[in-house]
Amino acid sequence: MKVIIAGSLEFKTARSFQKALKMYLHRTEVLYKNQLFFQAEDIFMEDGLTVTIPRFVKEPIELRWWKNTMNVLEYIAAFATSGTMSGWRLDSGKILEHTVIEPNGDKIAIKEFQHGREIIKEGGQMSEAMQALTRAIEKFERHALAYERRGFVNYRLKNYTDALYDYSKSININPRHAEAYYGRAHVHLMDKELEKAIADLDMSVKTSIALQPLYWKSRRLKGNCHMELGQFDKAAFEYRLFTKRNFAPDDSNRKALKDVYFNYGRALLELGKAEEALEAIKTSKAIDNDHFSYSEAEWKEYHDKAREATA
């Protein structure tokens, strides 16, 4: 078995941070007999009042170590005000267990953030979500997740300057917040700042993992940016990785495969790889879904170009 754990929990005060640390140390020695993946000094960051795990991968593992570690992280999350931890347990690439740990309590910053996030998820009024997320930030100014979600709301409302501010603020607070990089890349694209978008998408890839849909969304969008800049080798690299991935039926990236294969074919054609281009373009046509952006005329144009180039 293999485990991957990543994320960060933020504490509002030194008192709550120290209380979480004390409880972690106590449980490490008394309850779990040091059978945990992390020593306190590895993850408790006093200068920023956070518990931070950039990316931890271990294989093989003993099941009790996984259970002990996730249990104690969930316990100390009760003392945090914001943040999220994710853990995956896998066997031969198959996800056996996926755990998400977040603060959950009566603190206003927590409740308002959860309320704003739920409104967004359900497609509710963006103005109401904005108010809730702003209240969360007012109660906890280092709420990276609330800034990111408010950035998304501002983007949806076409307040691009405010969205850029919120996404950047989220990144400044938590430089490993992949969603904020992905969101800021979209703002850069609205301003036709393709190089800046690519830089943020690269960071989104680096701060997420391949088990997350966001990782592949970032790679796909990065490929599109390279295509627009005429960087066909870099675009082909991103598209090739995307097409090799076996997406789950409920993964939103699966719907993008038709477009990605078509664009992959276009990139390969520009690189003089006509046979591979023709295969990718044909594969695009064969995929049965309604989610694609090219026209029938465009498909025929590139199909015919690739076929002629292979003759």
C-alpha atoms as a PDB file:
ATOM      1  CA  MET A   1       0.000   0.000   0.000  1.00  0.00           C
ATOM      2  CA  LYS A   2       0.968   3.599  -0.592  1.00  0.00           C
ATOM      3  CA  VAL A   3      -0.166   6.854   1.029  1.00  0.00           C
ATOM      4  CA  ILE A   4      -0.057  10.466  -0.086  1.00  0.00           C
ATOM      5  CA  ILE A   5      -0.820  13.290   2.343  1.00  0.00           C
ATOM      6  CA  ALA A   6      -0.729  17.027   1.610  1.00  0.00           C
ATOM      7  CA  GLY A   7      -2.226  20.228   2.920  1.00  0.00           C
ATOM      8  CA  SER A   8      -2.119  22.912   5.556  1.00  0.00           C
ATOM      9  CA  LEU A   9      -4.095  23.952   8.631  1.00  0.00           C
ATOM     10  CA  GLU A  10      -3.975  27.572   9.803  1.00  0.00           C
ATOM     11  CA  PHE A  11      -4.452  28.699  13.408  1.00  0.00           C
ATOM     12  CA  LYS A  12      -5.742  32.116  14.349  1.00  0.00           C
ATOM     13  CA  THR A  13      -3.781  32.611  17.559  1.00  0.00           C
ATOM     14  CA  ALA A  14      -0.572  31.374  19.137  1.00  0.00           C
ATOM     15  CA  ARG A  15      -2.712  29.984  21.956  1.00  0.00           C
ATOM     16  CA  SER A  16      -4.756  27.725  19.664  1.00  0.00           C
ATOM     17  CA  PHE A  17      -1.563  26.660  17.850  1.00  0.00           C
ATOM     18  CA  GLN A  18       0.162  25.733  21.112  1.00  0.00           C
ATOM     19  CA  LYS A  19      -2.898  23.852  22.312  1.00  0.00           C
ATOM     20  CA  ALA A  20      -2.961  21.804  19.107  1.00  0.00           C
ATOM     21  CA  LEU A  21       0.778  21.124  19.454  1.00  0.00           C
ATOM     22  CA  LYS A  22       0.367  20.021  23.064  1.00  0.00           C
ATOM     23  CA  MET A  23      -2.456  17.660  22.147  1.00  0.00           C
ATOM     24  CA  TYR A  24      -0.465  16.261  19.218  1.00  0.00           C
ATOM     25  CA  LEU A  25       2.540  15.538  21.428  1.00  0.00           C
ATOM     26  CA  HIS A  26       0.357  13.941  24.098  1.00  0.00           C
ATOM     27  CA  ARG A  27      -1.452  11.678  21.665  1.00  0.00           C
ATOM     28  CA  THR A  28       1.776  10.799  19.865  1.00  0.00           C
ATOM     29  CA  GLU A  29       3.316   9.432  23.060  1.00  0.00           C
ATOM     30  CA  VAL A  30       0.343   8.107  25.023  1.00  0.00           C
ATOM     31  CA  LEU A  31      -2.291   7.017  22.510  1.00  0.00           C
ATOM     32  CA  TYR A  32      -0.350   6.183  19.353  1.00  0.00           C
ATOM     33  CA  LYS A  33       3.007   5.120  20.838  1.00  0.00           C
ATOM     34  CA  ASN A  34       4.872   7.166  18.194  1.00  0.00           C
ATOM     35  CA  GLN A  35       3.307   5.121  15.397  1.00  0.00           C
ATOM     36  CA  LEU A  36       2.680   8.171  13.209  1.00  0.00           C
ATOM     37  CA  PHE A  37       4.164   9.346   9.935  1.00  0.00           C
ATOM     38  CA  PHE A  38       5.171  12.743  11.351  1.00  0.00           C
ATOM     39  CA  GLN A  39       6.988  14.043  14.369  1.00  0.00           C
ATOM     40  CA  ALA A  40       5.598  17.336  15.650  1.00  0.00           C
ATOM     41  CA  GLU A  41       8.711  19.258  14.622  1.00  0.00           C
ATOM     42  CA  ASP A  42       8.226  18.063  11.037  1.00  0.00           C
ATOM     43  CA  ILE A  43       4.847  19.708  10.510  1.00  0.00           C
ATOM     44  CA  PHE A  44       4.172  22.365  13.182  1.00  0.00           C
ATOM     45  CA  MET A  45       5.393  25.723  11.828  1.00  0.00           C
ATOM     46  CA  GLU A  46       5.356  28.226  14.678  1.00  0.00           C
ATOM     47  CA  ASP A  47       6.436  31.222  12.595  1.00  0.00           C
ATOM     48  CA  GLY A  48       3.274  31.006  10.468  1.00  0.00           C
ATOM     49  CA  LEU A  49       1.014  29.284  13.028  1.00  0.00           C
ATOM     50  CA  THR A  50       0.354  26.402  10.642  1.00  0.00           C
ATOM     51  CA  VAL A  51       0.531  22.658  10.419  1.00  0.00           C
ATOM     52  CA  THR A  52       1.947  22.108   6.937  1.00  0.00           C
ATOM     53  CA  ILE A  53       2.559  18.936   4.943  1.00  0.00           C
ATOM     54  CA  PRO A  54       3.738  20.006   1.446  1.00  0.00           C
ATOM     55  CA  ARG A  55       3.542  16.499  -0.036  1.00  0.00           C
ATOM     56  CA  PHE A  56       4.240  13.270   1.807  1.00  0.00           C
ATOM     57  CA  VAL A  57       4.492   9.970  -0.079  1.00  0.00           C
ATOM     58  CA  LYS A  58       5.290   6.658   1.593  1.00  0.00           C
ATOM     59  CA  GLU A  59       5.292   3.090   0.329  1.00  0.00           C
ATOM     60  CA  PRO A  60       4.877   0.489   1.760  1.00  0.00           C
ATOM     61  CA  ILE A  61       2.961   1.413   4.897  1.00  0.00           C
ATOM     62  CA  GLU A  62       1.330  -0.275   7.848  1.00  0.00           C
ATOM     63  CA  LEU A  63      -2.406   0.392   7.987  1.00  0.00           C
ATOM     64  CA  ARG A  64      -2.397   1.410  11.649  1.00  0.00           C
ATOM     65  CA  TRP A  65       0.140   4.169  10.936  1.00  0.00           C
ATOM     66  CA  TRP A  66      -2.210   5.604   8.318  1.00  0.00           C
ATOM     67  CA  LYS A  67      -5.206   5.436  10.655  1.00  0.00           C
ATOM     68  CA  ASN A  68      -3.288   6.913  13.577  1.00  0.00           C
ATOM     69  CA  THR A  69      -1.931   9.800  11.499  1.00  0.00           C
ATOM     70  CA  MET A  70      -5.265  10.733   9.932  1.00  0.00           C
ATOM     71  CA  ASN A  71      -7.024  10.483  13.306  1.00  0.00           C
ATOM     72  CA  VAL A  72      -4.599  12.834  15.030  1.00  0.00           C
ATOM     73  CA  LEU A  73      -4.677  15.316  12.132  1.00  0.00           C
ATOM     74  CA  GLU A  74      -8.467  15.342  12.293  1.00  0.00           C
ATOM     75  CA  TYR A  75      -8.277  15.901  16.035  1.00  0.00           C
ATOM     76  CA  ILE A  76      -5.975  18.924  15.854  1.00  0.00           C
ATOM     77  CA  ALA A  77      -8.038  20.406  12.983  1.00  0.00           C
ATOM     78  CA  ALA A  78     -10.617  21.279  15.642  1.00  0.00           C
ATOM     79  CA  PHE A  79      -8.212  23.945  16.921  1.00  0.00           C
ATOM     80  CA  ALA A  80      -7.587  25.457  13.461  1.00  0.00           C
ATOM     81  CA  THR A  81      -9.555  28.245  11.788  1.00  0.00           C
ATOM     82  CA  SER A  82      -8.892  27.498   8.126  1.00  0.00           C
ATOM     83  CA  GLY A  83      -7.096  25.155   5.779  1.00  0.00           C
ATOM     84  CA  THR A  84      -7.499  21.643   4.443  1.00  0.00           C
ATOM     85  CA  MET A  85      -5.613  18.350   4.539  1.00  0.00           C
ATOM     86  CA  SER A  86      -6.078  15.548   2.034  1.00  0.00           C
ATOM     87  CA  GLY A  87      -4.911  11.981   2.355  1.00  0.00           C
ATOM     88  CA  TRP A  88      -5.062   9.111  -0.124  1.00  0.00           C
ATOM     89  CA  ARG A  89      -4.439   5.424   0.525  1.00  0.00           C
ATOM     90  CA  LEU A  90      -3.743   3.441  -2.633  1.00  0.00           C
ATOM     91  CA  ASP A  91      -3.004  -0.060  -3.774  1.00  0.00           C
ATOM     92  CA  SER A  92      -1.490  -0.561  -7.234  1.00  0.00           C
ATOM     93  CA  GLY A  93      -2.739   2.892  -8.251  1.00  0.00           C
ATOM     94  CA  LYS A  94      -6.307   2.247  -7.094  1.00  0.00           C
ATOM     95  CA  ILE A  95      -7.689   4.633  -4.478  1.00  0.00           C
ATOM     96  CA  LEU A  96      -8.800   2.651  -1.430  1.00  0.00           C
ATOM     97  CA  GLU A  97      -9.519   5.644   0.760  1.00  0.00           C
ATOM     98  CA  HIS A  98      -9.604   9.410   0.360  1.00  0.00           C
ATOM     99  CA  THR A  99      -9.878  11.581   3.468  1.00  0.00           C
ATOM    100  CA  VAL A 100     -10.357  15.350   3.584  1.00  0.00           C
ATOM    101  CA  ILE A 101      -9.764  17.093   6.898  1.00  0.00           C
ATOM    102  CA  GLU A 102     -10.941  20.648   7.550  1.00  0.00           C
ATOM    103  CA  PRO A 103     -11.698  22.812  10.591  1.00  0.00           C
ATOM    104  CA  ASN A 104     -15.284  22.412  11.698  1.00  0.00           C
ATOM    105  CA  GLY A 105     -16.714  24.346  14.593  1.00  0.00           C
ATOM    106  CA  ASP A 106     -18.691  27.347  15.745  1.00  0.00           C
ATOM    107  CA  LYS A 107     -16.077  29.970  14.906  1.00  0.00           C
ATOM    108  CA  ILE A 108     -17.588  32.656  12.692  1.00  0.00           C
ATOM    109  CA  ALA A 109     -14.708  32.479  10.204  1.00  0.00           C
ATOM    110  CA  ILE A 110     -15.342  28.745   9.736  1.00  0.00           C
ATOM    111  CA  LYS A 111     -19.119  29.008   9.458  1.00  0.00           C
ATOM    112  CA  GLU A 112     -19.073  31.949   7.055  1.00  0.00           C
ATOM    113  CA  PHE A 113     -16.489  30.289   4.816  1.00  0.00           C
ATOM    114  CA  GLN A 114     -18.492  27.071   4.693  1.00  0.00           C
ATOM    115  CA  HIS A 115     -21.660  29.037   3.955  1.00  0.00           C
ATOM    116  CA  GLY A 116     -20.054  30.985   1.099  1.00  0.00           C
ATOM    117  CA  ARG A 117     -18.484  27.871  -0.381  1.00  0.00           C
ATOM    118  CA  GLU A 118     -21.800  26.005  -0.260  1.00  0.00           C
ATOM    119  CA  ILE A 119     -23.601  28.840  -2.049  1.00  0.00           C
ATOM    120  CA  ILE A 120     -21.023  28.658  -4.852  1.00  0.00           C
ATOM    121  CA  LYS A 121     -21.303  24.877  -5.047  1.00  0.00           C
ATOM    122  CA  GLU A 122     -25.089  25.018  -5.337  1.00  0.00           C
ATOM    123  CA  GLY A 123     -25.012  27.824  -7.898  1.00  0.00           C
ATOM    124  CA  GLY A 124     -26.634  30.364  -5.607  1.00  0.00           C
ATOM    125  CA  GLN A 125     -26.407  34.135  -5.538  1.00  0.00           C
ATOM    126  CA  MET A 126     -22.809  35.211  -5.993  1.00  0.00           C
ATOM    127  CA  SER A 127     -23.436  38.427  -4.050  1.00  0.00           C
ATOM    128  CA  GLU A 128     -24.508  36.408  -1.011  1.00  0.00           C
ATOM    129  CA  ALA A 129     -21.443  34.180  -1.332  1.00  0.00           C
ATOM    130  CA  MET A 130     -19.268  37.290  -1.573  1.00  0.00           C
ATOM    131  CA  GLN A 131     -20.693  38.669   1.661  1.00  0.00           C
ATOM    132  CA  ALA A 132     -20.178  35.413   3.536  1.00  0.00           C
ATOM    133  CA  LEU A 133     -16.588  35.026   2.354  1.00  0.00           C
ATOM    134  CA  THR A 134     -15.802  38.651   3.172  1.00  0.00           C
ATOM    135  CA  ARG A 135     -17.129  38.099   6.705  1.00  0.00           C
ATOM    136  CA  ALA A 136     -14.864  35.046   7.014  1.00  0.00           C
ATOM    137  CA  ILE A 137     -11.857  37.131   5.961  1.00  0.00           C
ATOM    138  CA  GLU A 138     -12.788  39.925   8.349  1.00  0.00           C
ATOM    139  CA  LYS A 139     -12.769  37.415  11.200  1.00  0.00           C
ATOM    140  CA  PHE A 140      -9.530  35.765  10.055  1.00  0.00           C
ATOM    141  CA  GLU A 141      -7.348  37.841   7.757  1.00  0.00           C
ATOM    142  CA  ARG A 142      -5.081  34.894   6.873  1.00  0.00           C
ATOM    143  CA  HIS A 143      -7.937  32.786   5.471  1.00  0.00           C
ATOM    144  CA  ALA A 144      -6.299  31.645   2.224  1.00  0.00           C
ATOM    145  CA  LEU A 145      -9.246  29.460   1.203  1.00  0.00           C
ATOM    146  CA  ALA A 146     -11.755  32.284   1.664  1.00  0.00           C
ATOM    147  CA  TYR A 147      -9.634  34.607  -0.471  1.00  0.00           C
ATOM    148  CA  GLU A 148      -9.455  31.962  -3.204  1.00  0.00           C
ATOM    149  CA  ARG A 149     -13.216  31.368  -3.187  1.00  0.00           C
ATOM    150  CA  ARG A 150     -13.881  35.122  -3.154  1.00  0.00           C
ATOM    151  CA  GLY A 151     -11.501  35.402  -6.099  1.00  0.00           C
ATOM    152  CA  PHE A 152     -13.649  32.870  -7.930  1.00  0.00           C
ATOM    153  CA  VAL A 153     -16.791  34.884  -7.145  1.00  0.00           C
ATOM    154  CA  ASN A 154     -15.157  38.091  -8.372  1.00  0.00           C
ATOM    155  CA  TYR A 155     -14.064  36.306 -11.539  1.00  0.00           C
ATOM    156  CA  ARG A 156     -17.605  35.080 -12.142  1.00  0.00           C
ATOM    157  CA  LEU A 157     -18.885  38.622 -11.604  1.00  0.00           C
ATOM    158  CA  LYS A 158     -16.237  39.902 -14.065  1.00  0.00           C
ATOM    159  CA  ASN A 159     -14.519  41.909 -11.343  1.00  0.00           C
ATOM    160  CA  TYR A 160     -11.140  40.872 -12.721  1.00  0.00           C
ATOM    161  CA  THR A 161      -9.006  43.365 -10.787  1.00  0.00           C
ATOM    162  CA  ASP A 162     -10.571  42.232  -7.517  1.00  0.00           C
ATOM    163  CA  ALA A 163     -10.239  38.583  -8.538  1.00  0.00           C
ATOM    164  CA  LEU A 164      -6.541  39.095  -9.230  1.00  0.00           C
ATOM    165  CA  TYR A 165      -6.121  40.676  -5.796  1.00  0.00           C
ATOM    166  CA  ASP A 166      -7.927  37.847  -4.009  1.00  0.00           C
ATOM    167  CA  TYR A 167      -6.093  35.051  -5.801  1.00  0.00           C
ATOM    168  CA  SER A 168      -2.740  36.756  -5.193  1.00  0.00           C
ATOM    169  CA  LYS A 169      -3.589  37.293  -1.533  1.00  0.00           C
ATOM    170  CA  SER A 170      -4.450  33.606  -1.176  1.00  0.00           C
ATOM    171  CA  ILE A 171      -1.124  32.628  -2.754  1.00  0.00           C
ATOM    172  CA  ASN A 172       0.807  35.031  -0.527  1.00  0.00           C
ATOM    173  CA  ILE A 173      -0.748  33.434   2.542  1.00  0.00           C
ATOM    174  CA  ASN A 174      -0.347  29.873   1.300  1.00  0.00           C
ATOM    175  CA  PRO A 175       2.131  29.515  -1.594  1.00  0.00           C
ATOM    176  CA  ARG A 176       1.027  25.889  -2.060  1.00  0.00           C
ATOM    177  CA  HIS A 177      -2.626  26.679  -2.779  1.00  0.00           C
ATOM    178  CA  ALA A 178      -3.051  25.130  -6.228  1.00  0.00           C
ATOM    179  CA  GLU A 179      -6.626  26.359  -6.737  1.00  0.00           C
ATOM    180  CA  ALA A 180      -5.512  29.975  -6.339  1.00  0.00           C
ATOM    181  CA  TYR A 181      -2.829  29.591  -9.023  1.00  0.00           C
ATOM    182  CA  TYR A 182      -5.384  28.006 -11.348  1.00  0.00           C
ATOM    183  CA  GLY A 183      -7.864  30.808 -10.724  1.00  0.00           C
ATOM    184  CA  ARG A 184      -5.278  33.533 -11.220  1.00  0.00           C
ATOM    185  CA  ALA A 185      -4.237  31.937 -14.506  1.00  0.00           C
ATOM    186  CA  HIS A 186      -7.784  32.460 -15.776  1.00  0.00           C
ATOM    187  CA  VAL A 187      -7.577  36.146 -14.882  1.00  0.00           C
ATOM    188  CA  HIS A 188      -4.295  36.418 -16.795  1.00  0.00           C
ATOM    189  CA  LEU A 189      -5.947  34.790 -19.792  1.00  0.00           C
ATOM    190  CA  MET A 190      -8.677  37.420 -19.742  1.00  0.00           C
ATOM    191  CA  ASP A 191      -5.874  40.001 -20.040  1.00  0.00           C
ATOM    192  CA  LYS A 192      -4.155  37.958 -22.809  1.00  0.00           C
ATOM    193  CA  GLU A 193      -1.167  37.495 -20.500  1.00  0.00           C
ATOM    194  CA  LEU A 194      -0.367  33.978 -21.724  1.00  0.00           C
ATOM    195  CA  GLU A 195       3.118  33.724 -20.251  1.00  0.00           C
ATOM    196  CA  LYS A 196       1.849  34.726 -16.815  1.00  0.00           C
ATOM    197  CA  ALA A 197      -0.987  32.205 -17.139  1.00  0.00           C
ATOM    198  CA  ILE A 198       1.487  29.455 -18.019  1.00  0.00           C
ATOM    199  CA  ALA A 199       3.623  30.305 -14.987  1.00  0.00           C
ATOM    200  CA  ASP A 200       0.604  30.052 -12.680  1.00  0.00           C
ATOM    201  CA  LEU A 201      -0.607  26.832 -14.295  1.00  0.00           C
ATOM    202  CA  ASP A 202       2.844  25.372 -13.836  1.00  0.00           C
ATOM    203  CA  MET A 203       2.610  26.201 -10.136  1.00  0.00           C
ATOM    204  CA  SER A 204      -0.875  24.697  -9.990  1.00  0.00           C
ATOM    205  CA  VAL A 205       0.566  21.455 -11.361  1.00  0.00           C
ATOM    206  CA  LYS A 206       3.486  21.525  -8.928  1.00  0.00           C
ATOM    207  CA  THR A 207       1.297  22.164  -5.881  1.00  0.00           C
ATOM    208  CA  SER A 208      -1.381  19.590  -6.706  1.00  0.00           C
ATOM    209  CA  ILE A 209      -1.094  15.856  -7.311  1.00  0.00           C
ATOM    210  CA  ALA A 210      -2.129  13.640 -10.200  1.00  0.00           C
ATOM    211  CA  LEU A 211      -4.981  12.147  -8.145  1.00  0.00           C
ATOM    212  CA  GLN A 212      -6.738  15.518  -8.188  1.00  0.00           C
ATOM    213  CA  PRO A 213      -8.816  16.661 -11.196  1.00  0.00           C
ATOM    214  CA  LEU A 214      -7.270  20.131 -10.811  1.00  0.00           C
ATOM    215  CA  TYR A 215      -3.852  18.741 -11.738  1.00  0.00           C
ATOM    216  CA  TRP A 216      -5.136  17.625 -15.140  1.00  0.00           C
ATOM    217  CA  LYS A 217      -7.257  20.726 -15.711  1.00  0.00           C
ATOM    218  CA  SER A 218      -4.093  22.761 -15.213  1.00  0.00           C
ATOM    219  CA  ARG A 219      -2.094  20.643 -17.640  1.00  0.00           C
ATOM    220  CA  ARG A 220      -4.823  20.852 -20.271  1.00  0.00           C
ATOM    221  CA  LEU A 221      -5.155  24.628 -20.000  1.00  0.00           C
ATOM    222  CA  LYS A 222      -1.369  24.965 -20.022  1.00  0.00           C
ATOM    223  CA  GLY A 223      -1.308  23.011 -23.279  1.00  0.00           C
ATOM    224  CA  ASN A 224      -3.883  25.373 -24.768  1.00  0.00           C
ATOM    225  CA  CYS A 225      -1.739  28.370 -23.808  1.00  0.00           C
ATOM    226  CA  HIS A 226       1.315  26.857 -25.453  1.00  0.00           C
ATOM    227  CA  MET A 227      -0.744  26.190 -28.589  1.00  0.00           C
ATOM    228  CA  GLU A 228      -1.830  29.808 -28.765  1.00  0.00           C
ATOM    229  CA  LEU A 229       1.790  30.923 -28.444  1.00  0.00           C
ATOM    230  CA  GLY A 230       2.866  28.543 -31.191  1.00  0.00           C
ATOM    231  CA  GLN A 231       4.920  26.446 -28.738  1.00  0.00           C
ATOM    232  CA  PHE A 232       3.762  23.200 -30.290  1.00  0.00           C
ATOM    233  CA  ASP A 233       6.337  20.911 -28.671  1.00  0.00           C
ATOM    234  CA  LYS A 234       5.325  22.062 -25.189  1.00  0.00           C
ATOM    235  CA  ALA A 235       1.636  21.832 -26.068  1.00  0.00           C
ATOM    236  CA  ALA A 236       2.092  18.291 -27.393  1.00  0.00           C
ATOM    237  CA  PHE A 237       3.874  17.297 -24.180  1.00  0.00           C
ATOM    238  CA  GLU A 238       0.931  18.432 -22.024  1.00  0.00           C
ATOM    239  CA  TYR A 239      -1.663  16.860 -24.312  1.00  0.00           C
ATOM    240  CA  ARG A 240       0.211  13.563 -24.506  1.00  0.00           C
ATOM    241  CA  LEU A 241       0.235  13.231 -20.716  1.00  0.00           C
ATOM    242  CA  PHE A 242      -3.462  14.083 -20.606  1.00  0.00           C
ATOM    243  CA  THR A 243      -4.404  11.464 -23.209  1.00  0.00           C
ATOM    244  CA  LYS A 244      -2.461   8.765 -21.350  1.00  0.00           C
ATOM    245  CA  ARG A 245      -4.503   9.291 -18.184  1.00  0.00           C
ATOM    246  CA  ASN A 246      -7.337   6.884 -17.434  1.00  0.00           C
ATOM    247  CA  PHE A 247      -9.962   9.250 -15.997  1.00  0.00           C
ATOM    248  CA  ALA A 248     -12.764   7.974 -13.812  1.00  0.00           C
ATOM    249  CA  PRO A 249     -16.280   8.238 -15.318  1.00  0.00           C
ATOM    250  CA  ASP A 250     -17.196  11.054 -12.903  1.00  0.00           C
ATOM    251  CA  ASP A 251     -13.997  13.057 -13.515  1.00  0.00           C
ATOM    252  CA  SER A 252     -14.798  16.281 -15.404  1.00  0.00           C
ATOM    253  CA  ASN A 253     -11.533  15.918 -17.329  1.00  0.00           C
ATOM    254  CA  ARG A 254     -12.998  12.934 -19.159  1.00  0.00           C
ATOM    255  CA  LYS A 255     -15.336  15.289 -21.024  1.00  0.00           C
ATOM    256  CA  ALA A 256     -12.359  17.238 -22.371  1.00  0.00           C
ATOM    257  CA  LEU A 257     -10.707  14.272 -24.096  1.00  0.00           C
ATOM    258  CA  LYS A 258     -12.363  14.947 -27.455  1.00  0.00           C
ATOM    259  CA  ASP A 259     -10.924  18.460 -27.588  1.00  0.00           C
ATOM    260  CA  VAL A 260      -7.540  17.405 -26.238  1.00  0.00           C
ATOM    261  CA  TYR A 261      -7.044  14.669 -28.836  1.00  0.00           C
ATOM    262  CA  PHE A 262      -7.950  17.123 -31.594  1.00  0.00           C
ATOM    263  CA  ASN A 263      -5.525  19.752 -30.300  1.00  0.00           C
ATOM    264  CA  TYR A 264      -2.878  17.088 -29.780  1.00  0.00           C
ATOM    265  CA  GLY A 265      -3.265  16.146 -33.437  1.00  0.00           C
ATOM    266  CA  ARG A 266      -2.906  19.784 -34.495  1.00  0.00           C
ATOM    267  CA  ALA A 267       0.270  20.166 -32.422  1.00  0.00           C
ATOM    268  CA  LEU A 268       1.769  16.952 -33.798  1.00  0.00           C
ATOM    269  CA  LEU A 269       0.989  18.076 -37.338  1.00  0.00           C
ATOM    270  CA  GLU A 270       2.862  21.322 -36.750  1.00  0.00           C
ATOM    271  CA  LEU A 271       5.802  19.264 -35.470  1.00  0.00           C
ATOM    272  CA  GLY A 272       5.885  17.199 -38.658  1.00  0.00           C
ATOM    273  CA  LYS A 273       4.584  14.028 -37.003  1.00  0.00           C
ATOM    274  CA  ALA A 274       1.824  13.391 -39.503  1.00  0.00           C
ATOM    275  CA  GLU A 275       1.062   9.747 -38.731  1.00  0.00           C
ATOM    276  CA  GLU A 276       0.697  10.389 -35.009  1.00  0.00           C
ATOM    277  CA  ALA A 277      -1.331  13.522 -35.787  1.00  0.00           C
ATOM    278  CA  LEU A 278      -3.736  11.572 -37.976  1.00  0.00           C
ATOM    279  CA  GLU A 279      -4.214   8.929 -35.299  1.00  0.00           C
ATOM    280  CA  ALA A 280      -4.959  11.581 -32.629  1.00  0.00           C
ATOM    281  CA  ILE A 281      -7.414  13.422 -34.896  1.00  0.00           C
ATOM    282  CA  LYS A 282      -9.214  10.167 -35.725  1.00  0.00           C
ATOM    283  CA  THR A 283      -9.355   9.268 -32.032  1.00  0.00           C
ATOM    284  CA  SER A 284     -10.965  12.622 -31.295  1.00  0.00           C
ATOM    285  CA  LYS A 285     -13.714  11.875 -33.808  1.00  0.00           C
ATOM    286  CA  ALA A 286     -14.309   8.414 -32.342  1.00  0.00           C
ATOM    287  CA  ILE A 287     -14.859   9.623 -28.765  1.00  0.00           C
ATOM    288  CA  ASP A 288     -18.562   9.620 -28.009  1.00  0.00           C
ATOM    289  CA  ASN A 289     -19.456  12.776 -26.111  1.00  0.00           C
ATOM    290  CA  ASP A 290     -20.923  16.179 -26.876  1.00  0.00           C
ATOM    291  CA  HIS A 291     -18.222  18.220 -25.157  1.00  0.00           C
ATOM    292  CA  PHE A 292     -15.959  19.697 -27.815  1.00  0.00           C
ATOM    293  CA  SER A 293     -15.268  23.115 -29.287  1.00  0.00           C
ATOM    294  CA  TYR A 294     -14.146  22.454 -32.878  1.00  0.00           C
ATOM    295  CA  SER A 295     -16.480  22.433 -35.866  1.00  0.00           C
ATOM    296  CA  GLU A 296     -16.963  19.620 -38.349  1.00  0.00           C
ATOM    297  CA  ALA A 297     -15.230  21.773 -40.968  1.00  0.00           C
ATOM    298  CA  GLU A 298     -12.200  22.274 -38.697  1.00  0.00           C
ATOM    299  CA  TRP A 299     -11.955  18.562 -37.987  1.00  0.00           C
ATOM    300  CA  LYS A 300     -12.082  17.755 -41.716  1.00  0.00           C
ATOM    301  CA  GLU A 301      -9.485  20.412 -42.497  1.00  0.00           C
ATOM    302  CA  TYR A 302      -6.899  19.000 -40.091  1.00  0.00           C
ATOM    303  CA  HIS A 303      -7.817  15.395 -40.838  1.00  0.00           C
ATOM    304  CA  ASP A 304      -7.231  15.998 -44.548  1.00  0.00           C
ATOM    305  CA  LYS A 305      -3.958  17.839 -43.872  1.00  0.00           C
ATOM    306  CA  ALA A 306      -2.668  14.972 -41.764  1.00  0.00           C
ATOM    307  CA  ARG A 307      -3.771  12.355 -44.262  1.00  0.00           C
ATOM    308  CA  GLU A 308      -2.117  14.209 -47.133  1.00  0.00           C
ATOM    309  CA  ALA A 309       1.076  14.576 -45.132  1.00  0.00           C
ATOM    310  CA  THR A 310       1.231  10.812 -44.614  1.00  0.00           C
ATOM    311  CA  ALA A 311       0.718   9.997 -48.289  1.00  0.00           C
END
